[in-house]
Amino acid sequence: MDFPVSLILPHRINLKVMAEEKHHITSYKTYTLILVLLISLTFLSVAITQIELSRWATVAALLLAGVKSTFVLLIFMHLKFDQRIFRIMAGLILLLVIVVIIFTMLDFLFR
């Protein structure tokens, strides 16, 4: 089943050839800074568990997890330098996760 792509996909889709795409190289300094930031946020999330925040502990933990995952998506998974459609798709998936978490929290709070 080795069909050429032009037979499967319509001609109106603008396909980029891999050789024509620009490659972005992230420096080791950026990776190191993001690593230090992620480790710091992990220590902060552990420190927050030691403080009595009652219901707000879950909200704080989810916010910190969201910030950390944003850095991982943007820098380590190169979403920052990728095509716009990938950012849109990741945003839609993130929106779906947020909606599911909100419904779960509402179900938990009103039982």
Protein backbone atom coordinates (compact mmCIF):
# COMPACT_ATOMS: atom_id res chain seq x y z
CA MET A 1 0.00 0.00 0.00
CA ASP A 2 2.59 2.52 -1.03
CA PHE A 3 0.52 5.29 -2.58
CA PRO A 4 2.00 8.67 -3.39
CA VAL A 5 0.70 11.43 -1.12
CA SER A 6 -0.63 13.39 -4.11
CA LEU A 7 -3.11 10.61 -4.89
CA ILE A 8 -4.50 10.48 -1.36
CA LEU A 9 -4.61 14.17 -0.47
CA PRO A 10 -6.42 16.83 -2.49
CA HIS A 11 -4.27 19.20 -4.51
CA ARG A 12 -5.60 22.29 -2.71
CA ILE A 13 -3.78 21.36 0.50
CA ASN A 14 -0.46 23.19 0.69
CA LEU A 15 2.05 20.58 1.82
CA LYS A 16 5.47 21.64 2.97
CA VAL A 17 8.40 19.47 2.10
CA MET A 18 10.48 18.56 5.13
CA ALA A 19 13.60 19.95 3.49
CA GLU A 20 11.96 23.35 3.07
CA GLU A 21 10.90 23.72 6.71
CA LYS A 22 12.92 25.92 8.98
CA HIS A 23 14.50 24.15 11.93
CA HIS A 24 14.87 26.00 15.18
CA ILE A 25 17.66 25.00 17.49
CA THR A 26 17.09 25.83 21.14
CA SER A 27 20.20 26.64 23.13
CA TYR A 28 21.39 24.65 26.12
CA LYS A 29 21.03 27.82 28.19
CA THR A 30 17.30 27.92 27.50
CA TYR A 31 16.90 24.24 28.33
CA THR A 32 18.83 24.72 31.56
CA LEU A 33 16.75 27.74 32.57
CA ILE A 34 13.51 25.88 31.91
CA LEU A 35 14.81 22.88 33.84
CA VAL A 36 15.66 25.06 36.84
CA LEU A 37 12.24 26.71 36.60
CA LEU A 38 10.47 23.34 36.48
CA ILE A 39 12.42 22.06 39.48
CA SER A 40 11.63 25.27 41.38
CA LEU A 41 7.94 24.94 40.59
CA THR A 42 8.04 21.32 41.76
CA PHE A 43 9.55 22.39 45.08
CA LEU A 44 6.89 25.10 45.31
CA SER A 45 4.10 22.57 44.73
CA VAL A 46 5.56 20.33 47.46
CA ALA A 47 5.79 23.34 49.81
CA ILE A 48 2.16 24.25 49.12
CA THR A 49 1.06 20.81 50.32
CA GLN A 50 2.55 21.63 53.73
CA ILE A 51 0.30 24.70 54.09
CA GLU A 52 -3.31 24.21 55.14
CA LEU A 53 -5.28 25.64 52.21
CA SER A 54 -8.34 23.35 52.44
CA ARG A 55 -10.15 23.54 49.08
CA TRP A 56 -7.60 25.88 47.55
CA ALA A 57 -4.82 23.28 47.75
CA THR A 58 -6.27 21.43 44.77
CA VAL A 59 -6.68 24.64 42.79
CA ALA A 60 -3.08 25.68 43.54
CA ALA A 61 -1.76 22.25 42.59
CA LEU A 62 -3.67 22.30 39.30
CA LEU A 63 -2.46 25.81 38.48
CA LEU A 64 1.16 24.88 39.11
CA ALA A 65 0.77 21.70 37.06
CA GLY A 66 -0.71 23.77 34.25
CA VAL A 67 2.18 26.23 34.29
CA LYS A 68 4.73 23.41 34.29
CA SER A 69 3.01 21.58 31.45
CA THR A 70 2.88 24.81 29.43
CA PHE A 71 6.64 25.19 29.68
CA VAL A 72 7.16 21.56 28.70
CA LEU A 73 4.82 21.91 25.70
CA LEU A 74 6.31 25.17 24.48
CA ILE A 75 10.02 24.53 24.97
CA PHE A 76 10.76 20.81 25.23
CA MET A 77 8.15 19.74 22.68
CA HIS A 78 9.01 22.73 20.43
CA LEU A 79 5.39 23.86 20.14
CA LYS A 80 6.57 27.46 20.40
CA PHE A 81 8.42 27.16 17.10
CA ASP A 82 6.01 24.83 15.30
CA GLN A 83 3.21 25.55 12.85
CA ARG A 84 0.15 27.41 14.07
CA ILE A 85 -2.23 24.46 13.56
CA PHE A 86 -0.36 22.43 16.20
CA ARG A 87 -0.73 25.25 18.73
CA ILE A 88 -4.44 25.47 17.96
CA MET A 89 -4.91 21.74 18.40
CA ALA A 90 -2.96 21.73 21.68
CA GLY A 91 -5.08 24.66 22.89
CA LEU A 92 -8.31 22.85 22.04
CA ILE A 93 -7.15 19.75 23.89
CA LEU A 94 -6.18 21.89 26.88
CA LEU A 95 -9.61 23.51 26.79
CA LEU A 96 -11.22 20.07 26.83
CA VAL A 97 -9.11 19.05 29.84
CA ILE A 98 -10.09 22.24 31.68
CA VAL A 99 -13.79 21.60 31.00
CA VAL A 100 -13.50 18.02 32.28
CA ILE A 101 -11.70 19.22 35.42
CA ILE A 102 -14.36 21.89 36.04
CA PHE A 103 -17.17 19.35 35.68
CA THR A 104 -15.35 16.99 38.02
CA MET A 105 -14.86 19.73 40.62
CA LEU A 106 -18.51 20.76 40.37
CA ASP A 107 -19.60 17.16 40.83
CA PHE A 108 -17.29 16.85 43.86
CA LEU A 109 -18.44 20.12 45.46
CA PHE A 110 -22.19 19.53 45.11
CA ARG A 111 -22.43 15.96 46.37
